Structures are given as C-alpha cells and as structure tokens.
Amino acid sequence: MEGVNQIYQYSIISSLAQGICADGLPVPQALRHGDHGLGTLAGLDGEVIIIDGQAFQYTSGGVRALEKSDITAFLMITFFEPSKAVTLPYLTNETLMHEMSRLYPSTTNHFFAIRVDAVFPHITYRVAPRQNHHRETLAEVVQRQSVRSFKKQRGTIFGFYSPGFTGAFSVVGLHLHFMSEDRKAGGHVLEFQASNVSLSGAVITKYNVELPETEDFNSEVIMEPDRG
C-alpha cells in the first residue's frame, strides 16, 4: 500500500488510447491505494472520481456509487493530505497552474495532486460513453461523448498534474474530474470558472505504476499517444 501523497496508477494512458481496456483491477483492490483519485471502468465506461474515500461513476445516464464487482481499466489514486492550501476569490482552469506554481516554486518536473472546493459560476465537463466494440480507441469514443455546462454549481474538482516526460503513462498536464456537492453531476473537466475557492495541493515525488497482467494488454505493441 502506498503512503501519503504517493500516486498509485493502474495501467497507462497509452493503453486506453489504443482501446486496450477490456479488463482491469477490481474496485476493492483499487481503493486500498488511496482516498482521492480518478479513472475509468473497463470498456472506457464513464468517468470515475474518488473523493474522501467515496467512489462514483458518471455516465450520460447519471451517477452511481461504485460496487465491489466493478473493474477499473485506468486509475490514478493517492492518500491525499494537502501540504499547502489557500483561499482565493477566483480561479479558472487557465490560472490553476499559475497558483500551484506560486504555492510550490521549483517543482517543474514533479506531479501535483490538486483539489478545488468552490462555487463554479461556470463549468464544462465531458462524460465518455462505453466502447461500442473491443479496441475502439479513445479518440473514437470521445467523438460520442456528452459535453455539459452548468452555472452556479457548488462542488469539488480533484485530479493530478503530470509532467511532460510521462506522456506514455499519464495525461500530460492537468487531468481533473468534477463532482457536484449533491453528487448528481460530474465528469472530466474541460474548463471552469470558480469563486470562493479553497485550493489545496501536494507535490508528489513517488509514482507507482502497475501494468495489467492480462492477455489483452499484451496482445499488441502499445505506443505513446501522438500529442500532435
């Protein structure tokens, strides 16, 4: 089991990009590694967010708490204990990393765990649908995604910043998921404006990746996604 403010990651983003995500890690095993995180279920089925040990799946049809029988195809999770926190009158997705760099100077090549509790005058997020067929790529799946925007929504964003050298393993830059205070709305964050902000974070220097030991994962060569 990982310690505080260490990332445990199951599988790699390159595998999702190629649509190799038919199976994975059972939820009870996943939650042994942390209390805050994000990911997706087998078959790229929706968006998963874990806040304060509570794990939820968001799909175009709604939200549900994860069950013991659920299987995560990709997961990043940590036992989150913020080392610094600040209150801000206003924050956006474009200014978030500026604020993080002010809190943590000289950390260009480190991971961050980031939590934002706020009122969101505007937030846009997506929910990816389940694969239509085995090996449907991530790029193909997101062509069918549901994009939603809300105003005056109170809730929590949690996610990670991954440095550029991790491109084969994780989403480079910010990877954030949102959950509304009433838990009815949530997904993968595309953009946001936040007010009355509580921003907390932690620098992460220990990054543990578990690769799937499955036939599917080893059935073809996995390459780093093309970032254009």
C-alpha atoms as a PDB file:
ATOM      1  CA  MET A   1       0.000   0.000   0.000  1.00  0.00           C
ATOM      2  CA  GLU A   2       1.224   3.477  -0.892  1.00  0.00           C
ATOM      3  CA  GLY A   3       1.985   6.137   1.687  1.00  0.00           C
ATOM      4  CA  VAL A   4       0.502   9.608   1.925  1.00  0.00           C
ATOM      5  CA  ASN A   5       0.815  11.749  -1.228  1.00  0.00           C
ATOM      6  CA  GLN A   6       2.152   8.985  -3.424  1.00  0.00           C
ATOM      7  CA  ILE A   7       0.466   8.112  -6.701  1.00  0.00           C
ATOM      8  CA  TYR A   8      -0.646   4.584  -7.407  1.00  0.00           C
ATOM      9  CA  GLN A   9      -1.592   4.168 -11.055  1.00  0.00           C
ATOM     10  CA  TYR A  10      -3.175   1.128 -12.668  1.00  0.00           C
ATOM     11  CA  SER A  11      -2.466   0.742 -16.396  1.00  0.00           C
ATOM     12  CA  ILE A  12      -1.307   3.554 -18.698  1.00  0.00           C
ATOM     13  CA  ILE A  13      -2.989   6.182 -20.844  1.00  0.00           C
ATOM     14  CA  SER A  14      -1.369   4.718 -23.970  1.00  0.00           C
ATOM     15  CA  SER A  15      -3.364   1.536 -23.421  1.00  0.00           C
ATOM     16  CA  LEU A  16      -6.633   3.483 -23.239  1.00  0.00           C
ATOM     17  CA  ALA A  17      -5.685   5.437 -26.350  1.00  0.00           C
ATOM     18  CA  GLN A  18      -5.451   2.183 -28.299  1.00  0.00           C
ATOM     19  CA  GLY A  19      -8.669   0.835 -26.830  1.00  0.00           C
ATOM     20  CA  ILE A  20      -6.934  -1.853 -24.774  1.00  0.00           C
ATOM     21  CA  CYS A  21      -9.099  -1.731 -21.663  1.00  0.00           C
ATOM     22  CA  ALA A  22     -11.368  -4.755 -21.600  1.00  0.00           C
ATOM     23  CA  ASP A  23     -10.491  -5.718 -18.040  1.00  0.00           C
ATOM     24  CA  GLY A  24      -8.503  -4.450 -15.096  1.00  0.00           C
ATOM     25  CA  LEU A  25      -8.405  -4.011 -11.334  1.00  0.00           C
ATOM     26  CA  PRO A  26     -11.395  -4.701  -9.044  1.00  0.00           C
ATOM     27  CA  VAL A  27     -12.589  -1.657  -7.126  1.00  0.00           C
ATOM     28  CA  PRO A  28     -11.873  -3.080  -3.636  1.00  0.00           C
ATOM     29  CA  GLN A  29      -8.225  -3.565  -4.607  1.00  0.00           C
ATOM     30  CA  ALA A  30      -8.077  -0.107  -6.152  1.00  0.00           C
ATOM     31  CA  LEU A  31      -9.343   1.616  -3.014  1.00  0.00           C
ATOM     32  CA  ARG A  32      -6.589   0.069  -0.929  1.00  0.00           C
ATOM     33  CA  HIS A  33      -4.219   2.517  -2.599  1.00  0.00           C
ATOM     34  CA  GLY A  34      -5.863   5.847  -1.758  1.00  0.00           C
ATOM     35  CA  ASP A  35      -8.854   8.021  -0.915  1.00  0.00           C
ATOM     36  CA  HIS A  36      -8.733  10.594  -3.754  1.00  0.00           C
ATOM     37  CA  GLY A  37      -8.420   9.760  -7.406  1.00  0.00           C
ATOM     38  CA  LEU A  38      -9.854   9.432 -10.892  1.00  0.00           C
ATOM     39  CA  GLY A  39     -10.083   6.988 -13.751  1.00  0.00           C
ATOM     40  CA  THR A  40     -12.490   4.925 -15.841  1.00  0.00           C
ATOM     41  CA  LEU A  41     -14.033   1.473 -15.763  1.00  0.00           C
ATOM     42  CA  ALA A  42     -13.443  -1.472 -18.089  1.00  0.00           C
ATOM     43  CA  GLY A  43     -14.509  -0.696 -21.637  1.00  0.00           C
ATOM     44  CA  LEU A  44     -13.911   3.044 -21.084  1.00  0.00           C
ATOM     45  CA  ASP A  45     -17.248   3.078 -19.301  1.00  0.00           C
ATOM     46  CA  GLY A  46     -17.764   6.593 -17.964  1.00  0.00           C
ATOM     47  CA  GLU A  47     -15.779   8.844 -15.650  1.00  0.00           C
ATOM     48  CA  VAL A  48     -14.714   7.779 -12.154  1.00  0.00           C
ATOM     49  CA  ILE A  49     -13.966  10.193  -9.324  1.00  0.00           C
ATOM     50  CA  ILE A  50     -12.938   9.311  -5.783  1.00  0.00           C
ATOM     51  CA  ILE A  51     -13.295  11.982  -3.088  1.00  0.00           C
ATOM     52  CA  ASP A  52     -12.759  11.340   0.624  1.00  0.00           C
ATOM     53  CA  GLY A  53     -12.834   7.604   0.003  1.00  0.00           C
ATOM     54  CA  GLN A  54     -16.201   7.762  -1.812  1.00  0.00           C
ATOM     55  CA  ALA A  55     -16.043   6.425  -5.390  1.00  0.00           C
ATOM     56  CA  PHE A  56     -18.573   7.271  -8.113  1.00  0.00           C
ATOM     57  CA  GLN A  57     -19.072   6.581 -11.796  1.00  0.00           C
ATOM     58  CA  TYR A  58     -20.610   9.222 -14.060  1.00  0.00           C
ATOM     59  CA  THR A  59     -22.171   8.233 -17.370  1.00  0.00           C
ATOM     60  CA  SER A  60     -24.549  10.000 -19.748  1.00  0.00           C
ATOM     61  CA  GLY A  61     -27.329   8.238 -17.871  1.00  0.00           C
ATOM     62  CA  GLY A  62     -26.451   9.550 -14.435  1.00  0.00           C
ATOM     63  CA  VAL A  63     -24.330   8.663 -11.427  1.00  0.00           C
ATOM     64  CA  ARG A  64     -23.896   5.672  -9.159  1.00  0.00           C
ATOM     65  CA  ALA A  65     -21.611   4.607  -6.357  1.00  0.00           C
ATOM     66  CA  LEU A  66     -19.023   2.067  -7.442  1.00  0.00           C
ATOM     67  CA  GLU A  67     -19.656  -1.522  -6.385  1.00  0.00           C
ATOM     68  CA  LYS A  68     -17.281  -4.297  -5.380  1.00  0.00           C
ATOM     69  CA  SER A  69     -17.885  -6.040  -8.695  1.00  0.00           C
ATOM     70  CA  ASP A  70     -16.779  -3.041 -10.788  1.00  0.00           C
ATOM     71  CA  ILE A  71     -13.468  -3.191 -12.649  1.00  0.00           C
ATOM     72  CA  THR A  72     -11.210  -0.170 -13.203  1.00  0.00           C
ATOM     73  CA  ALA A  73      -9.376  -0.070 -16.544  1.00  0.00           C
ATOM     74  CA  PHE A  74      -7.316   3.008 -15.617  1.00  0.00           C
ATOM     75  CA  LEU A  75      -6.834   4.628 -12.240  1.00  0.00           C
ATOM     76  CA  MET A  76      -4.706   7.280 -10.555  1.00  0.00           C
ATOM     77  CA  ILE A  77      -5.206   7.449  -6.795  1.00  0.00           C
ATOM     78  CA  THR A  78      -3.480   8.791  -3.687  1.00  0.00           C
ATOM     79  CA  PHE A  79      -3.923   9.155   0.046  1.00  0.00           C
ATOM     80  CA  PHE A  80      -4.315  12.910  -0.208  1.00  0.00           C
ATOM     81  CA  GLU A  81      -3.051  15.106   2.612  1.00  0.00           C
ATOM     82  CA  PRO A  82      -2.540  18.642   1.329  1.00  0.00           C
ATOM     83  CA  SER A  83       0.748  20.190   2.323  1.00  0.00           C
ATOM     84  CA  LYS A  84      -0.464  23.675   1.407  1.00  0.00           C
ATOM     85  CA  ALA A  85      -3.834  25.351   0.990  1.00  0.00           C
ATOM     86  CA  VAL A  86      -5.019  28.804   0.045  1.00  0.00           C
ATOM     87  CA  THR A  87      -8.329  30.606  -0.312  1.00  0.00           C
ATOM     88  CA  LEU A  88      -8.852  32.596  -3.497  1.00  0.00           C
ATOM     89  CA  PRO A  89     -11.655  34.853  -4.693  1.00  0.00           C
ATOM     90  CA  TYR A  90     -11.450  33.499  -8.245  1.00  0.00           C
ATOM     91  CA  LEU A  91      -9.789  30.689 -10.190  1.00  0.00           C
ATOM     92  CA  THR A  92     -10.017  29.216 -13.694  1.00  0.00           C
ATOM     93  CA  ASN A  93      -8.543  26.235 -15.471  1.00  0.00           C
ATOM     94  CA  GLU A  94      -6.147  28.657 -17.170  1.00  0.00           C
ATOM     95  CA  THR A  95      -4.856  30.158 -13.901  1.00  0.00           C
ATOM     96  CA  LEU A  96      -4.782  26.975 -11.827  1.00  0.00           C
ATOM     97  CA  MET A  97      -1.184  26.014 -12.572  1.00  0.00           C
ATOM     98  CA  HIS A  98      -0.028  29.601 -12.001  1.00  0.00           C
ATOM     99  CA  GLU A  99      -1.478  29.389  -8.493  1.00  0.00           C
ATOM    100  CA  MET A 100       0.076  25.973  -7.944  1.00  0.00           C
ATOM    101  CA  SER A 101       3.496  27.243  -9.020  1.00  0.00           C
ATOM    102  CA  ARG A 102       3.152  30.085  -6.517  1.00  0.00           C
ATOM    103  CA  LEU A 103       2.443  27.568  -3.774  1.00  0.00           C
ATOM    104  CA  TYR A 104       5.201  25.219  -4.922  1.00  0.00           C
ATOM    105  CA  PRO A 105       8.058  27.002  -6.716  1.00  0.00           C
ATOM    106  CA  SER A 106      10.850  24.980  -8.366  1.00  0.00           C
ATOM    107  CA  THR A 107       8.681  21.908  -8.981  1.00  0.00           C
ATOM    108  CA  THR A 108       8.544  21.956 -12.786  1.00  0.00           C
ATOM    109  CA  ASN A 109       9.111  18.217 -13.189  1.00  0.00           C
ATOM    110  CA  HIS A 110       7.041  16.914 -10.301  1.00  0.00           C
ATOM    111  CA  PHE A 111       3.495  15.606 -10.093  1.00  0.00           C
ATOM    112  CA  PHE A 112       0.812  17.511  -8.196  1.00  0.00           C
ATOM    113  CA  ALA A 113      -2.349  16.288  -6.525  1.00  0.00           C
ATOM    114  CA  ILE A 114      -4.904  19.097  -6.672  1.00  0.00           C
ATOM    115  CA  ARG A 115      -8.250  19.689  -5.006  1.00  0.00           C
ATOM    116  CA  VAL A 116     -10.551  22.652  -5.642  1.00  0.00           C
ATOM    117  CA  ASP A 117     -13.641  23.209  -3.489  1.00  0.00           C
ATOM    118  CA  ALA A 118     -15.648  26.148  -4.758  1.00  0.00           C
ATOM    119  CA  VAL A 119     -18.758  27.651  -6.258  1.00  0.00           C
ATOM    120  CA  PHE A 120     -18.479  27.329 -10.026  1.00  0.00           C
ATOM    121  CA  PRO A 121     -20.159  30.185 -11.912  1.00  0.00           C
ATOM    122  CA  HIS A 122     -19.367  28.135 -14.994  1.00  0.00           C
ATOM    123  CA  ILE A 123     -18.034  24.617 -15.507  1.00  0.00           C
ATOM    124  CA  THR A 124     -17.928  22.409 -18.599  1.00  0.00           C
ATOM    125  CA  TYR A 125     -17.157  18.730 -18.432  1.00  0.00           C
ATOM    126  CA  ARG A 126     -17.496  15.640 -20.571  1.00  0.00           C
ATOM    127  CA  VAL A 127     -18.669  12.098 -19.962  1.00  0.00           C
ATOM    128  CA  ALA A 128     -17.228   9.431 -22.243  1.00  0.00           C
ATOM    129  CA  PRO A 129     -19.501   6.547 -23.294  1.00  0.00           C
ATOM    130  CA  ARG A 130     -18.624   2.889 -23.105  1.00  0.00           C
ATOM    131  CA  GLN A 131     -16.789   1.384 -26.080  1.00  0.00           C
ATOM    132  CA  ASN A 132     -19.094   0.195 -28.843  1.00  0.00           C
ATOM    133  CA  HIS A 133     -16.708  -2.621 -29.623  1.00  0.00           C
ATOM    134  CA  HIS A 134     -13.462  -4.121 -28.406  1.00  0.00           C
ATOM    135  CA  ARG A 135     -10.452  -1.968 -29.331  1.00  0.00           C
ATOM    136  CA  GLU A 136     -12.497   1.132 -30.135  1.00  0.00           C
ATOM    137  CA  THR A 137      -9.870   3.805 -29.489  1.00  0.00           C
ATOM    138  CA  LEU A 138     -10.159   6.633 -27.009  1.00  0.00           C
ATOM    139  CA  ALA A 139     -10.233   9.155 -29.865  1.00  0.00           C
ATOM    140  CA  GLU A 140     -13.167   7.302 -31.424  1.00  0.00           C
ATOM    141  CA  VAL A 141     -15.015   7.006 -28.128  1.00  0.00           C
ATOM    142  CA  VAL A 142     -14.802  10.727 -27.318  1.00  0.00           C
ATOM    143  CA  GLN A 143     -16.433  11.528 -30.656  1.00  0.00           C
ATOM    144  CA  ARG A 144     -19.598  10.252 -28.951  1.00  0.00           C
ATOM    145  CA  GLN A 145     -19.009  11.983 -25.614  1.00  0.00           C
ATOM    146  CA  SER A 146     -21.647  14.030 -23.799  1.00  0.00           C
ATOM    147  CA  VAL A 147     -20.495  17.606 -23.043  1.00  0.00           C
ATOM    148  CA  ARG A 148     -22.356  19.513 -20.365  1.00  0.00           C
ATOM    149  CA  SER A 149     -22.103  23.006 -18.940  1.00  0.00           C
ATOM    150  CA  PHE A 150     -23.536  24.287 -15.677  1.00  0.00           C
ATOM    151  CA  LYS A 151     -23.743  27.636 -13.922  1.00  0.00           C
ATOM    152  CA  LYS A 152     -23.634  28.389 -10.208  1.00  0.00           C
ATOM    153  CA  GLN A 153     -22.732  24.833  -9.291  1.00  0.00           C
ATOM    154  CA  ARG A 154     -21.083  24.119  -5.949  1.00  0.00           C
ATOM    155  CA  GLY A 155     -18.744  21.164  -5.911  1.00  0.00           C
ATOM    156  CA  THR A 156     -15.262  19.684  -5.908  1.00  0.00           C
ATOM    157  CA  ILE A 157     -12.603  19.163  -8.543  1.00  0.00           C
ATOM    158  CA  PHE A 158      -9.860  16.644  -7.925  1.00  0.00           C
ATOM    159  CA  GLY A 159      -7.062  15.464 -10.140  1.00  0.00           C
ATOM    160  CA  PHE A 160      -3.422  15.467 -10.998  1.00  0.00           C
ATOM    161  CA  TYR A 161      -0.835  17.421 -12.914  1.00  0.00           C
ATOM    162  CA  SER A 162       1.632  15.138 -14.702  1.00  0.00           C
ATOM    163  CA  PRO A 163       4.922  16.469 -16.114  1.00  0.00           C
ATOM    164  CA  GLY A 164       5.785  16.248 -19.788  1.00  0.00           C
ATOM    165  CA  PHE A 165       8.083  13.256 -19.617  1.00  0.00           C
ATOM    166  CA  THR A 166       5.208  10.986 -18.534  1.00  0.00           C
ATOM    167  CA  GLY A 167       3.318  11.129 -21.839  1.00  0.00           C
ATOM    168  CA  ALA A 168       3.260   7.369 -22.433  1.00  0.00           C
ATOM    169  CA  PHE A 169       1.897   6.755 -18.943  1.00  0.00           C
ATOM    170  CA  SER A 170      -0.496   9.531 -17.944  1.00  0.00           C
ATOM    171  CA  VAL A 171      -2.324  12.584 -19.250  1.00  0.00           C
ATOM    172  CA  VAL A 172       0.367  15.256 -19.555  1.00  0.00           C
ATOM    173  CA  GLY A 173      -0.627  18.451 -17.782  1.00  0.00           C
ATOM    174  CA  LEU A 174      -3.889  18.716 -15.876  1.00  0.00           C
ATOM    175  CA  HIS A 175      -6.248  15.768 -15.614  1.00  0.00           C
ATOM    176  CA  LEU A 176      -9.235  16.796 -13.487  1.00  0.00           C
ATOM    177  CA  HIS A 177     -12.617  15.313 -12.633  1.00  0.00           C
ATOM    178  CA  PHE A 178     -15.572  17.158 -11.087  1.00  0.00           C
ATOM    179  CA  MET A 179     -18.320  16.180  -8.693  1.00  0.00           C
ATOM    180  CA  SER A 180     -21.142  18.487  -7.626  1.00  0.00           C
ATOM    181  CA  GLU A 181     -21.915  18.897  -3.944  1.00  0.00           C
ATOM    182  CA  ASP A 182     -25.148  16.924  -4.349  1.00  0.00           C
ATOM    183  CA  ARG A 183     -23.215  14.278  -6.362  1.00  0.00           C
ATOM    184  CA  LYS A 184     -25.756  14.446  -9.194  1.00  0.00           C
ATOM    185  CA  ALA A 185     -23.375  15.988 -11.749  1.00  0.00           C
ATOM    186  CA  GLY A 186     -19.813  15.141 -12.649  1.00  0.00           C
ATOM    187  CA  GLY A 187     -17.264  14.191 -15.258  1.00  0.00           C
ATOM    188  CA  HIS A 188     -13.945  15.009 -16.907  1.00  0.00           C
ATOM    189  CA  VAL A 189     -13.285  18.749 -16.634  1.00  0.00           C
ATOM    190  CA  LEU A 190     -12.822  20.725 -19.850  1.00  0.00           C
ATOM    191  CA  GLU A 191     -12.952  24.250 -18.435  1.00  0.00           C
ATOM    192  CA  PHE A 192     -14.130  26.056 -15.329  1.00  0.00           C
ATOM    193  CA  GLN A 193     -14.508  29.357 -13.553  1.00  0.00           C
ATOM    194  CA  ALA A 194     -14.580  29.183  -9.770  1.00  0.00           C
ATOM    195  CA  SER A 195     -15.307  31.648  -6.963  1.00  0.00           C
ATOM    196  CA  ASN A 196     -14.971  31.407  -3.180  1.00  0.00           C
ATOM    197  CA  VAL A 197     -12.182  28.937  -3.804  1.00  0.00           C
ATOM    198  CA  SER A 198     -10.393  26.615  -1.419  1.00  0.00           C
ATOM    199  CA  LEU A 199      -7.359  25.333  -3.335  1.00  0.00           C
ATOM    200  CA  SER A 200      -5.256  22.601  -1.753  1.00  0.00           C
ATOM    201  CA  GLY A 201      -2.445  20.526  -3.111  1.00  0.00           C
ATOM    202  CA  ALA A 202       0.562  18.316  -2.618  1.00  0.00           C
ATOM    203  CA  VAL A 203       3.771  17.736  -4.538  1.00  0.00           C
ATOM    204  CA  ILE A 204       4.182  14.082  -5.422  1.00  0.00           C
ATOM    205  CA  THR A 205       7.622  12.573  -5.942  1.00  0.00           C
ATOM    206  CA  LYS A 206       6.722   8.885  -5.698  1.00  0.00           C
ATOM    207  CA  TYR A 207       4.828   7.492  -8.680  1.00  0.00           C
ATOM    208  CA  ASN A 208       3.993   3.788  -8.707  1.00  0.00           C
ATOM    209  CA  VAL A 209       2.600   2.188 -11.864  1.00  0.00           C
ATOM    210  CA  GLU A 210       1.123  -1.303 -12.058  1.00  0.00           C
ATOM    211  CA  LEU A 211       0.836  -2.739 -15.547  1.00  0.00           C
ATOM    212  CA  PRO A 212      -2.024  -5.153 -16.266  1.00  0.00           C
ATOM    213  CA  GLU A 213      -1.063  -8.817 -16.371  1.00  0.00           C
ATOM    214  CA  THR A 214      -3.678  -9.677 -18.969  1.00  0.00           C
ATOM    215  CA  GLU A 215      -3.716 -11.220 -22.406  1.00  0.00           C
ATOM    216  CA  ASP A 216      -5.477  -8.132 -23.750  1.00  0.00           C
ATOM    217  CA  PHE A 217      -2.737  -5.793 -22.519  1.00  0.00           C
ATOM    218  CA  ASN A 218      -0.011  -7.865 -24.197  1.00  0.00           C
ATOM    219  CA  SER A 219      -1.857  -8.628 -27.425  1.00  0.00           C
ATOM    220  CA  GLU A 220      -0.191  -5.827 -29.404  1.00  0.00           C
ATOM    221  CA  VAL A 221       2.599  -3.289 -29.063  1.00  0.00           C
ATOM    222  CA  ILE A 222       1.436  -0.218 -27.128  1.00  0.00           C
ATOM    223  CA  MET A 223       2.897   3.080 -28.299  1.00  0.00           C
ATOM    224  CA  GLU A 224       2.901   6.550 -26.774  1.00  0.00           C
ATOM    225  CA  PRO A 225      -0.126   8.567 -27.948  1.00  0.00           C
ATOM    226  CA  ASP A 226       0.513  11.220 -30.570  1.00  0.00           C
ATOM    227  CA  ARG A 227       0.150  14.584 -28.822  1.00  0.00           C
ATOM    228  CA  GLY A 228       0.206  16.466 -32.104  1.00  0.00           C
END
